[in-house]
N, C-alpha and C. Protein backbone atom coordinates (compact mmCIF):
# COMPACT_ATOMS: atom_id res chain seq x y z
N MET A 1 -5.49 -8.47 -53.24
CA MET A 1 -4.32 -7.94 -51.62
C MET A 1 -3.11 -8.56 -51.60
N SER A 2 -2.01 -7.72 -51.59
CA SER A 2 -1.09 -8.25 -51.28
C SER A 2 -0.92 -9.37 -50.09
N LYS A 3 0.88 -9.83 -50.57
CA LYS A 3 0.57 -11.04 -48.54
C LYS A 3 1.23 -9.86 -48.16
N LYS A 4 2.11 -9.12 -48.49
CA LYS A 4 2.62 -7.82 -47.53
C LYS A 4 1.36 -7.63 -46.28
N LYS A 5 0.40 -7.37 -46.94
CA LYS A 5 -0.84 -6.85 -46.43
C LYS A 5 -1.02 -7.78 -44.88
N LYS A 6 -1.06 -8.89 -45.18
CA LYS A 6 -1.57 -9.86 -44.07
C LYS A 6 -1.01 -10.34 -43.98
N ARG A 7 0.48 -10.18 -43.60
CA ARG A 7 1.64 -10.89 -42.41
C ARG A 7 1.91 -9.74 -41.58
N LEU A 8 2.07 -10.00 -40.14
CA LEU A 8 1.86 -9.33 -39.54
C LEU A 8 3.24 -8.77 -39.17
N LYS A 9 3.47 -7.90 -39.18
CA LYS A 9 4.72 -6.91 -38.76
C LYS A 9 5.92 -7.49 -38.02
N LYS A 10 7.07 -8.15 -37.54
CA LYS A 10 7.88 -8.32 -36.79
C LYS A 10 7.82 -7.65 -35.39
N THR A 11 7.37 -8.00 -34.06
CA THR A 11 7.63 -7.01 -32.60
C THR A 11 9.53 -7.04 -33.17
N GLN A 12 10.09 -6.05 -32.23
CA GLN A 12 11.02 -5.71 -31.50
C GLN A 12 11.90 -7.65 -30.98
N VAL A 13 10.86 -8.28 -30.47
CA VAL A 13 11.44 -9.81 -29.62
C VAL A 13 12.06 -10.82 -30.97
N GLU A 14 10.83 -10.52 -31.84
CA GLU A 14 11.10 -11.52 -33.30
C GLU A 14 12.59 -10.96 -33.94
N GLN A 15 12.39 -9.69 -34.24
CA GLN A 15 13.98 -8.91 -34.49
C GLN A 15 14.81 -9.65 -33.95
N ILE A 16 15.25 -9.81 -32.49
CA ILE A 16 15.90 -10.49 -31.64
C ILE A 16 16.57 -11.15 -32.00
N LEU A 17 15.53 -12.21 -31.66
CA LEU A 17 15.67 -13.35 -32.21
C LEU A 17 16.36 -14.14 -33.64
N ASP A 18 15.29 -13.59 -34.30
CA ASP A 18 16.22 -13.56 -35.90
C ASP A 18 17.49 -13.24 -36.43
N GLN A 19 18.06 -11.88 -35.18
CA GLN A 19 19.38 -11.37 -35.11
C GLN A 19 20.11 -12.54 -34.73
N HIS A 20 20.04 -13.21 -33.62
CA HIS A 20 20.66 -14.34 -32.85
C HIS A 20 20.74 -15.99 -33.40
N HIS A 21 19.74 -15.80 -34.52
CA HIS A 21 19.94 -17.23 -34.99
C HIS A 21 19.05 -17.89 -34.56
N VAL A 22 17.74 -17.60 -33.63
CA VAL A 22 17.05 -18.44 -32.63
C VAL A 22 15.56 -19.00 -33.21
N PRO A 23 15.66 -20.07 -33.71
CA PRO A 23 14.39 -20.62 -34.50
C PRO A 23 13.20 -20.51 -33.06
N TYR A 24 11.93 -19.95 -34.02
CA TYR A 24 10.45 -19.62 -32.90
C TYR A 24 9.77 -19.67 -34.05
N LYS A 25 8.25 -19.92 -33.83
CA LYS A 25 7.13 -19.23 -34.80
C LYS A 25 6.64 -18.32 -33.69
N SER A 26 6.02 -17.50 -34.54
CA SER A 26 4.90 -16.75 -34.07
C SER A 26 3.80 -16.64 -34.02
N ALA A 27 2.73 -16.97 -32.75
CA ALA A 27 1.20 -17.04 -32.03
C ALA A 27 0.86 -15.60 -32.09
N VAL A 28 -0.65 -15.75 -32.24
CA VAL A 28 -1.08 -14.60 -31.77
C VAL A 28 -2.21 -15.15 -30.85
N PHE A 29 -2.57 -14.98 -29.74
CA PHE A 29 -3.82 -15.54 -28.58
C PHE A 29 -4.65 -14.26 -28.20
N ALA A 30 -6.17 -14.53 -27.85
CA ALA A 30 -7.29 -13.52 -27.55
C ALA A 30 -7.13 -12.73 -27.07
N THR A 31 -6.96 -11.71 -26.50
CA THR A 31 -7.48 -10.90 -25.34
C THR A 31 -8.29 -10.32 -24.86
N HIS A 32 -8.38 -10.35 -23.68
CA HIS A 32 -9.63 -9.02 -23.09
C HIS A 32 -9.69 -8.06 -22.16
N GLN A 33 -9.69 -7.07 -21.91
CA GLN A 33 -9.82 -6.62 -20.72
C GLN A 33 -10.39 -6.88 -19.39
N ASP A 34 -9.07 -6.77 -18.94
CA ASP A 34 -9.61 -7.21 -17.70
C ASP A 34 -9.23 -6.18 -16.23
N GLY A 35 -10.18 -5.08 -16.38
CA GLY A 35 -10.23 -4.44 -15.16
C GLY A 35 -9.25 -3.17 -15.85
N ASP A 36 -7.50 -2.46 -15.69
CA ASP A 36 -7.31 -2.21 -16.46
C ASP A 36 -6.13 -2.46 -16.91
N VAL A 37 -5.95 -3.29 -17.24
CA VAL A 37 -4.76 -4.33 -17.93
C VAL A 37 -5.60 -5.57 -18.76
N GLN A 38 -4.54 -5.63 -19.91
CA GLN A 38 -5.23 -6.54 -21.11
C GLN A 38 -4.26 -7.96 -20.30
N SER A 39 -5.38 -9.08 -20.68
CA SER A 39 -4.98 -10.34 -20.24
C SER A 39 -5.66 -11.71 -21.07
N PHE A 40 -4.79 -12.46 -21.59
CA PHE A 40 -4.99 -14.07 -22.30
C PHE A 40 -6.36 -14.02 -21.98
N THR A 41 -7.71 -14.84 -23.31
CA THR A 41 -8.88 -15.42 -22.96
C THR A 41 -8.51 -16.68 -23.76
N LEU A 42 -7.78 -17.94 -22.60
CA LEU A 42 -7.66 -19.24 -22.57
C LEU A 42 -8.70 -19.36 -22.91
N GLY A 43 -9.40 -19.95 -23.78
CA GLY A 43 -10.13 -20.98 -24.13
C GLY A 43 -9.99 -22.60 -24.56
N ARG A 44 -11.05 -23.11 -24.71
CA ARG A 44 -10.60 -24.84 -25.23
C ARG A 44 -9.45 -24.76 -26.27
N GLU A 45 -9.82 -23.91 -26.87
CA GLU A 45 -9.42 -23.77 -28.63
C GLU A 45 -7.66 -23.79 -27.84
N THR A 46 -7.69 -22.87 -27.52
CA THR A 46 -5.97 -22.47 -26.41
C THR A 46 -5.07 -23.65 -26.28
N GLU A 47 -3.46 -23.93 -26.91
CA GLU A 47 -2.92 -24.61 -26.75
C GLU A 47 -2.71 -25.29 -25.24
N ASP A 48 -1.70 -26.12 -24.72
CA ASP A 48 -2.01 -26.65 -24.17
C ASP A 48 -1.34 -25.72 -22.73
N GLU A 49 -2.31 -25.22 -21.75
CA GLU A 49 -2.06 -23.77 -21.30
C GLU A 49 -0.65 -23.85 -20.58
N HIS A 50 -0.46 -24.96 -20.50
CA HIS A 50 1.19 -25.43 -19.14
C HIS A 50 2.32 -24.98 -19.90
N ARG A 51 2.05 -24.84 -21.77
CA ARG A 51 3.27 -24.44 -22.00
C ARG A 51 3.36 -23.58 -22.47
N ILE A 52 2.37 -22.09 -22.39
CA ILE A 52 2.07 -21.10 -22.15
C ILE A 52 2.99 -19.98 -21.16
N TYR A 53 3.87 -19.37 -20.41
CA TYR A 53 4.90 -18.54 -19.50
C TYR A 53 4.51 -17.72 -19.86
N LYS A 54 3.93 -16.81 -18.25
CA LYS A 54 3.83 -15.16 -18.19
C LYS A 54 5.33 -14.83 -17.41
N THR A 55 5.37 -13.78 -18.10
CA THR A 55 7.14 -12.88 -17.33
C THR A 55 7.04 -12.21 -16.42
N LEU A 56 6.64 -12.07 -15.15
CA LEU A 56 6.65 -11.65 -13.85
C LEU A 56 8.45 -10.96 -13.34
N VAL A 57 7.68 -9.68 -13.12
CA VAL A 57 9.27 -8.51 -12.83
C VAL A 57 8.74 -8.12 -10.92
N LEU A 58 10.12 -8.82 -10.36
CA LEU A 58 10.39 -8.07 -9.36
C LEU A 58 10.92 -7.77 -9.33
N SER A 59 11.52 -7.04 -7.70
CA SER A 59 13.23 -6.84 -7.51
C SER A 59 12.76 -7.10 -5.57
N GLY A 60 14.71 -7.60 -5.97
CA GLY A 60 15.14 -8.08 -4.31
C GLY A 60 16.23 -6.84 -4.01
N LYS A 61 16.53 -6.97 -2.52
CA LYS A 61 17.46 -5.73 -1.93
C LYS A 61 19.15 -6.12 -2.95
N GLU A 62 18.81 -7.81 -3.67
CA GLU A 62 20.85 -7.65 -3.52
C GLU A 62 20.61 -7.64 -5.07
N THR A 63 19.31 -8.16 -5.67
CA THR A 63 19.61 -8.12 -7.37
C THR A 63 18.97 -7.03 -8.06
N GLY A 64 18.07 -6.50 -7.66
CA GLY A 64 17.12 -5.13 -7.66
C GLY A 64 16.34 -5.92 -8.55
N PRO A 65 15.60 -5.14 -9.86
CA PRO A 65 14.90 -5.79 -10.31
C PRO A 65 15.30 -7.55 -11.00
N LEU A 66 14.22 -8.39 -11.08
CA LEU A 66 14.66 -9.66 -12.17
C LEU A 66 13.56 -9.88 -12.56
N VAL A 67 13.31 -11.07 -13.11
CA VAL A 67 12.31 -11.73 -13.95
C VAL A 67 12.31 -13.42 -13.81
N GLY A 68 10.92 -13.42 -13.32
CA GLY A 68 10.33 -14.82 -13.21
C GLY A 68 9.61 -15.54 -14.44
N VAL A 69 9.94 -16.24 -15.02
CA VAL A 69 8.99 -17.16 -15.86
C VAL A 69 8.89 -18.34 -15.40
N VAL A 70 7.14 -18.07 -15.49
CA VAL A 70 6.27 -19.29 -14.71
C VAL A 70 5.09 -19.53 -15.87
N PRO A 71 4.97 -21.07 -15.55
CA PRO A 71 3.54 -20.97 -16.41
C PRO A 71 2.19 -20.00 -15.80
N VAL A 72 1.32 -19.84 -17.29
CA VAL A 72 0.12 -19.58 -16.99
C VAL A 72 -0.48 -19.78 -16.33
N ASP A 73 -1.15 -20.65 -16.06
CA ASP A 73 -1.81 -21.76 -15.46
C ASP A 73 -1.18 -22.40 -13.61
N SER A 74 0.00 -20.97 -13.71
CA SER A 74 0.02 -21.50 -11.79
C SER A 74 1.17 -20.17 -11.43
N HIS A 75 0.73 -19.76 -10.32
CA HIS A 75 1.56 -18.71 -9.51
C HIS A 75 3.18 -19.31 -8.55
N LEU A 76 3.58 -18.10 -9.52
CA LEU A 76 5.30 -17.80 -8.53
C LEU A 76 5.05 -18.26 -7.40
N ASP A 77 6.06 -18.49 -6.86
CA ASP A 77 6.51 -19.42 -5.27
C ASP A 77 7.64 -17.81 -5.50
N GLU A 78 7.61 -16.92 -4.67
CA GLU A 78 8.70 -15.70 -4.47
C GLU A 78 9.78 -16.01 -3.27
N LYS A 79 8.80 -16.87 -2.16
CA LYS A 79 10.38 -17.59 -1.48
C LYS A 79 11.37 -17.99 -2.95
N ALA A 80 10.99 -19.49 -3.42
CA ALA A 80 11.72 -20.15 -3.87
C ALA A 80 12.79 -19.11 -4.86
N LEU A 81 12.12 -18.01 -5.88
CA LEU A 81 12.84 -17.36 -6.67
C LEU A 81 13.91 -16.22 -5.78
N ALA A 82 13.18 -15.37 -4.38
CA ALA A 82 13.97 -15.15 -3.74
C ALA A 82 15.94 -15.82 -3.25
N ARG A 83 15.68 -17.49 -2.96
CA ARG A 83 16.62 -18.31 -2.28
C ARG A 83 17.30 -18.71 -4.49
N VAL A 84 17.33 -18.66 -5.28
CA VAL A 84 17.83 -18.47 -6.32
C VAL A 84 18.08 -17.89 -6.57
N SER A 85 17.89 -16.42 -6.44
CA SER A 85 18.25 -15.11 -6.48
C SER A 85 19.11 -14.57 -5.70
N GLY A 86 19.53 -15.38 -4.87
CA GLY A 86 20.44 -14.61 -3.70
C GLY A 86 19.89 -13.39 -2.83
N ASN A 87 18.76 -13.19 -3.27
CA ASN A 87 18.42 -12.06 -2.19
C ASN A 87 16.82 -12.33 -0.58
N LYS A 88 16.97 -12.27 0.47
CA LYS A 88 16.11 -12.64 1.61
C LYS A 88 15.04 -12.73 0.94
N LYS A 89 14.36 -12.01 0.44
CA LYS A 89 12.84 -11.23 -0.14
C LYS A 89 12.64 -10.98 -1.64
N VAL A 90 11.80 -11.26 -1.73
CA VAL A 90 11.36 -10.32 -3.70
C VAL A 90 10.21 -9.71 -3.30
N ASP A 91 9.66 -8.96 -4.16
CA ASP A 91 8.30 -8.53 -4.39
C ASP A 91 7.90 -8.20 -5.57
N MET A 92 7.26 -8.00 -6.60
CA MET A 92 6.14 -7.56 -7.39
C MET A 92 6.64 -6.17 -7.50
N VAL A 93 7.01 -6.31 -8.78
CA VAL A 93 7.16 -4.73 -9.04
C VAL A 93 5.41 -4.05 -9.49
N PRO A 94 5.36 -3.04 -8.56
CA PRO A 94 4.40 -2.32 -8.74
C PRO A 94 3.67 -1.91 -10.38
N LEU A 95 2.31 -2.52 -10.94
CA LEU A 95 2.33 -2.34 -12.11
C LEU A 95 2.51 -0.51 -12.63
N LYS A 96 1.85 0.26 -12.07
CA LYS A 96 2.62 1.87 -12.23
C LYS A 96 4.15 1.77 -12.38
N LYS A 97 5.22 0.96 -11.75
CA LYS A 97 6.40 1.13 -12.15
C LYS A 97 6.70 0.41 -12.96
N LEU A 98 5.70 -0.41 -13.78
CA LEU A 98 5.81 -1.63 -14.46
C LEU A 98 7.25 -1.45 -16.09
N LEU A 99 5.85 -0.14 -16.59
CA LEU A 99 6.40 0.30 -18.10
C LEU A 99 8.41 0.68 -17.79
N LYS A 100 8.24 1.85 -16.83
CA LYS A 100 9.45 2.65 -15.91
C LYS A 100 10.58 1.35 -16.27
N THR A 101 10.71 0.44 -15.11
CA THR A 101 10.84 -0.49 -14.96
C THR A 101 11.95 -1.08 -16.46
N THR A 102 10.83 -1.86 -17.27
CA THR A 102 10.81 -2.82 -18.17
C THR A 102 11.11 -1.92 -19.63
N GLY A 103 10.26 -1.46 -19.66
CA GLY A 103 9.68 -0.82 -20.98
C GLY A 103 8.93 -1.51 -21.80
N TYR A 104 7.72 -2.00 -21.01
CA TYR A 104 6.67 -3.20 -21.31
C TYR A 104 5.50 -2.69 -20.37
N VAL A 105 4.41 -2.57 -21.28
CA VAL A 105 3.43 -2.78 -20.32
C VAL A 105 2.85 -4.40 -19.52
N HIS A 106 1.92 -4.08 -18.76
CA HIS A 106 1.85 -5.46 -18.24
C HIS A 106 0.78 -6.55 -19.23
N GLY A 107 2.05 -7.38 -18.78
CA GLY A 107 0.48 -8.63 -20.29
C GLY A 107 1.50 -8.60 -21.21
N ALA A 108 2.44 -7.99 -21.71
CA ALA A 108 3.52 -8.12 -23.36
C ALA A 108 4.98 -8.14 -22.24
N ASN A 109 5.15 -8.18 -21.35
CA ASN A 109 6.71 -7.85 -20.79
C ASN A 109 7.58 -9.64 -21.23
N THR A 110 8.67 -9.10 -21.82
CA THR A 110 9.42 -10.86 -22.36
C THR A 110 10.68 -10.88 -21.46
N PRO A 111 10.86 -11.73 -22.09
CA PRO A 111 12.55 -12.09 -21.08
C PRO A 111 13.27 -11.51 -22.35
N VAL A 112 13.00 -11.84 -23.19
CA VAL A 112 13.76 -11.38 -24.61
C VAL A 112 13.94 -10.13 -24.21
N GLY A 113 13.17 -9.34 -24.64
CA GLY A 113 13.16 -7.47 -23.96
C GLY A 113 13.40 -7.24 -23.31
N ILE A 114 13.68 -7.91 -22.36
CA ILE A 114 14.16 -7.29 -21.25
C ILE A 114 14.88 -7.25 -21.01
N TYR A 115 16.07 -8.54 -21.20
CA TYR A 115 16.84 -8.76 -21.13
C TYR A 115 18.01 -8.17 -21.71
N GLU A 116 17.81 -7.80 -23.30
CA GLU A 116 18.22 -6.92 -24.33
C GLU A 116 18.25 -5.69 -24.23
N LYS A 117 17.63 -4.74 -23.46
CA LYS A 117 17.88 -3.55 -22.71
C LYS A 117 17.98 -3.04 -21.52
N HIS A 118 18.05 -3.98 -20.37
CA HIS A 118 18.32 -4.33 -19.33
C HIS A 118 19.40 -4.88 -18.56
N HIS A 119 19.82 -6.50 -19.35
CA HIS A 119 20.73 -7.04 -18.31
C HIS A 119 19.66 -7.88 -17.23
N TYR A 120 18.70 -7.91 -16.59
CA TYR A 120 17.86 -8.19 -15.62
C TYR A 120 18.47 -9.48 -15.08
N PRO A 121 18.62 -10.42 -14.33
CA PRO A 121 18.71 -11.91 -14.06
C PRO A 121 17.53 -12.55 -14.16
N ILE A 122 17.13 -13.21 -14.96
CA ILE A 122 16.20 -14.51 -15.58
C ILE A 122 15.71 -15.62 -14.68
N PHE A 123 15.17 -15.85 -14.89
CA PHE A 123 14.72 -17.27 -13.55
C PHE A 123 13.57 -18.05 -14.50
N ILE A 124 13.69 -19.12 -15.17
CA ILE A 124 12.61 -19.66 -16.44
C ILE A 124 12.49 -21.21 -15.06
N ASP A 125 10.96 -21.11 -15.29
CA ASP A 125 10.71 -22.14 -14.11
C ASP A 125 11.10 -23.79 -15.05
N ASN A 126 11.70 -24.75 -14.07
CA ASN A 126 12.02 -25.85 -14.51
C ASN A 126 11.08 -26.91 -15.49
N ASP A 127 9.72 -26.48 -14.74
CA ASP A 127 8.56 -27.16 -16.22
C ASP A 127 9.20 -26.47 -17.49
N ALA A 128 9.87 -26.06 -17.54
CA ALA A 128 9.70 -25.29 -19.28
C ALA A 128 10.51 -26.31 -19.66
N LYS A 129 11.32 -26.99 -19.34
CA LYS A 129 12.36 -28.23 -19.93
C LYS A 129 11.27 -29.54 -20.47
N LYS A 130 10.39 -29.85 -19.81
CA LYS A 130 9.89 -30.83 -19.57
C LYS A 130 8.69 -31.05 -21.80
N SER A 131 8.66 -30.13 -21.57
CA SER A 131 8.05 -29.06 -22.92
C SER A 131 9.20 -29.72 -24.86
N GLU A 132 9.19 -29.62 -25.89
CA GLU A 132 9.51 -29.50 -26.92
C GLU A 132 9.91 -27.47 -26.64
N THR A 133 8.79 -27.07 -26.69
CA THR A 133 8.69 -25.83 -27.11
C THR A 133 7.53 -25.22 -25.85
N ILE A 134 8.28 -23.63 -25.91
CA ILE A 134 7.33 -22.80 -24.63
C ILE A 134 6.78 -21.30 -25.40
N PHE A 135 5.52 -21.28 -24.70
CA PHE A 135 5.32 -19.50 -25.16
C PHE A 135 5.76 -18.09 -24.43
N VAL A 136 6.17 -17.64 -24.88
CA VAL A 136 6.34 -16.67 -23.41
C VAL A 136 6.25 -14.94 -24.74
N SER A 137 5.79 -14.11 -24.63
CA SER A 137 5.54 -13.06 -24.46
C SER A 137 6.44 -12.68 -25.99
N ALA A 138 5.56 -11.92 -27.10
CA ALA A 138 7.08 -11.09 -28.11
C ALA A 138 6.43 -9.72 -27.77
N GLY A 139 6.19 -9.44 -26.53
CA GLY A 139 7.01 -7.89 -26.45
C GLY A 139 5.63 -7.26 -27.01
N LYS A 140 3.97 -7.62 -27.43
CA LYS A 140 3.44 -7.04 -27.57
C LYS A 140 1.95 -7.31 -27.08
N ILE A 141 0.64 -7.11 -26.27
CA ILE A 141 -0.56 -8.07 -25.97
C ILE A 141 -0.92 -8.54 -26.92
N GLY A 142 -1.32 -10.37 -26.76
CA GLY A 142 -1.53 -11.42 -27.44
C GLY A 142 -0.37 -11.49 -28.66
N ARG A 143 0.88 -11.43 -28.37
CA ARG A 143 1.68 -11.95 -29.38
C ARG A 143 2.41 -12.64 -28.81
N SER A 144 2.31 -13.65 -29.13
CA SER A 144 3.30 -14.50 -28.55
C SER A 144 4.59 -15.30 -29.38
N VAL A 145 5.83 -15.95 -28.86
CA VAL A 145 6.61 -16.58 -29.31
C VAL A 145 6.68 -17.96 -29.17
N GLU A 146 6.62 -18.97 -29.88
CA GLU A 146 7.25 -20.50 -29.50
C GLU A 146 8.63 -20.48 -29.98
N ILE A 147 8.80 -20.90 -28.58
CA ILE A 147 10.13 -21.22 -28.51
C ILE A 147 10.93 -22.21 -27.86
N ASN A 148 11.97 -22.97 -28.18
CA ASN A 148 12.53 -23.84 -27.52
C ASN A 148 12.94 -23.41 -26.17
N ALA A 149 12.97 -23.92 -25.04
CA ALA A 149 13.55 -23.04 -23.27
C ALA A 149 15.01 -23.50 -23.05
N ASP A 150 15.67 -24.07 -23.25
CA ASP A 150 16.77 -23.97 -23.37
C ASP A 150 17.37 -22.86 -24.56
N ASP A 151 17.05 -22.90 -25.85
CA ASP A 151 17.53 -21.63 -26.88
C ASP A 151 17.19 -20.78 -25.91
N LEU A 152 15.66 -20.38 -24.68
CA LEU A 152 15.39 -18.90 -24.20
C LEU A 152 17.00 -19.05 -23.32
N ALA A 153 17.13 -20.00 -22.42
CA ALA A 153 17.63 -20.05 -21.50
C ALA A 153 18.85 -19.16 -22.09
N GLN A 154 19.55 -19.28 -23.02
CA GLN A 154 20.91 -19.37 -23.87
C GLN A 154 20.92 -17.99 -24.26
N LEU A 155 19.85 -17.29 -25.07
CA LEU A 155 20.34 -15.94 -25.67
C LEU A 155 19.96 -15.43 -24.21
N VAL A 156 19.07 -15.51 -23.17
CA VAL A 156 18.90 -14.37 -22.10
C VAL A 156 19.63 -14.72 -21.05
N ASN A 157 20.51 -16.05 -20.73
CA ASN A 157 21.46 -15.83 -19.90
C ASN A 157 20.68 -16.58 -18.59
N ALA A 158 19.47 -17.08 -19.02
CA ALA A 158 18.86 -17.25 -17.75
C ALA A 158 18.95 -19.45 -16.53
N GLN A 159 18.27 -18.97 -15.71
CA GLN A 159 19.24 -20.07 -15.24
C GLN A 159 17.29 -20.53 -14.71
N PHE A 160 17.86 -22.21 -14.32
CA PHE A 160 16.07 -22.90 -14.14
C PHE A 160 15.83 -23.09 -13.11
N ALA A 161 15.13 -23.15 -12.55
CA ALA A 161 14.92 -23.45 -10.65
C ALA A 161 13.34 -23.65 -10.96
N ASP A 162 12.65 -23.93 -9.94
CA ASP A 162 12.11 -24.37 -9.30
C ASP A 162 11.02 -23.42 -8.83
N LEU A 163 10.10 -23.29 -9.84
CA LEU A 163 9.59 -21.47 -9.61
C LEU A 163 8.23 -21.49 -8.66
N GLN A 164 7.24 -22.71 -9.19
CA GLN A 164 5.92 -22.61 -9.18
C GLN A 164 5.71 -22.80 -7.41
N GLN A 165 4.44 -22.04 -6.76
CA GLN A 165 4.05 -22.31 -5.63
C GLN A 165 3.07 -23.92 -5.69
N HIS A 166 3.55 -25.04 -4.79
CA HIS A 166 2.48 -26.03 -4.68
C HIS A 166 2.11 -25.88 -3.61
């Protein structure tokens, strides 16, 4: 069997990172069907969960769509995101409008791809700076990239803020 068959085809996100010379490692995580969406299957063999980040898409009156990137094992503090983004309040974009708003299905939203397509404001939780690298979606369900949080923030023009509910 040739080596070419074994290698995964690069996602659009990986191609964007290559174009901008941003170092990353590809990662694949197991997924499962959870109602009408695909979700990560986090088990004991999974990387430190707090280094895996979810990309949440919200909307505010002042900004329109915006993105919050928080650890998968935490909850987004919508009031904190509203405050740092200059909105009075922000609400999650409804699941049925997600693909139209971002170009990605639930579970595949990625700050890299969303910024490349739409230039929405992006906010990353401060905890991301505590680890050498974090994992964010590579734009396909089950596929992620391991990347330095500062490199990610620079690429997508993101602002760091305290975004987790405590």
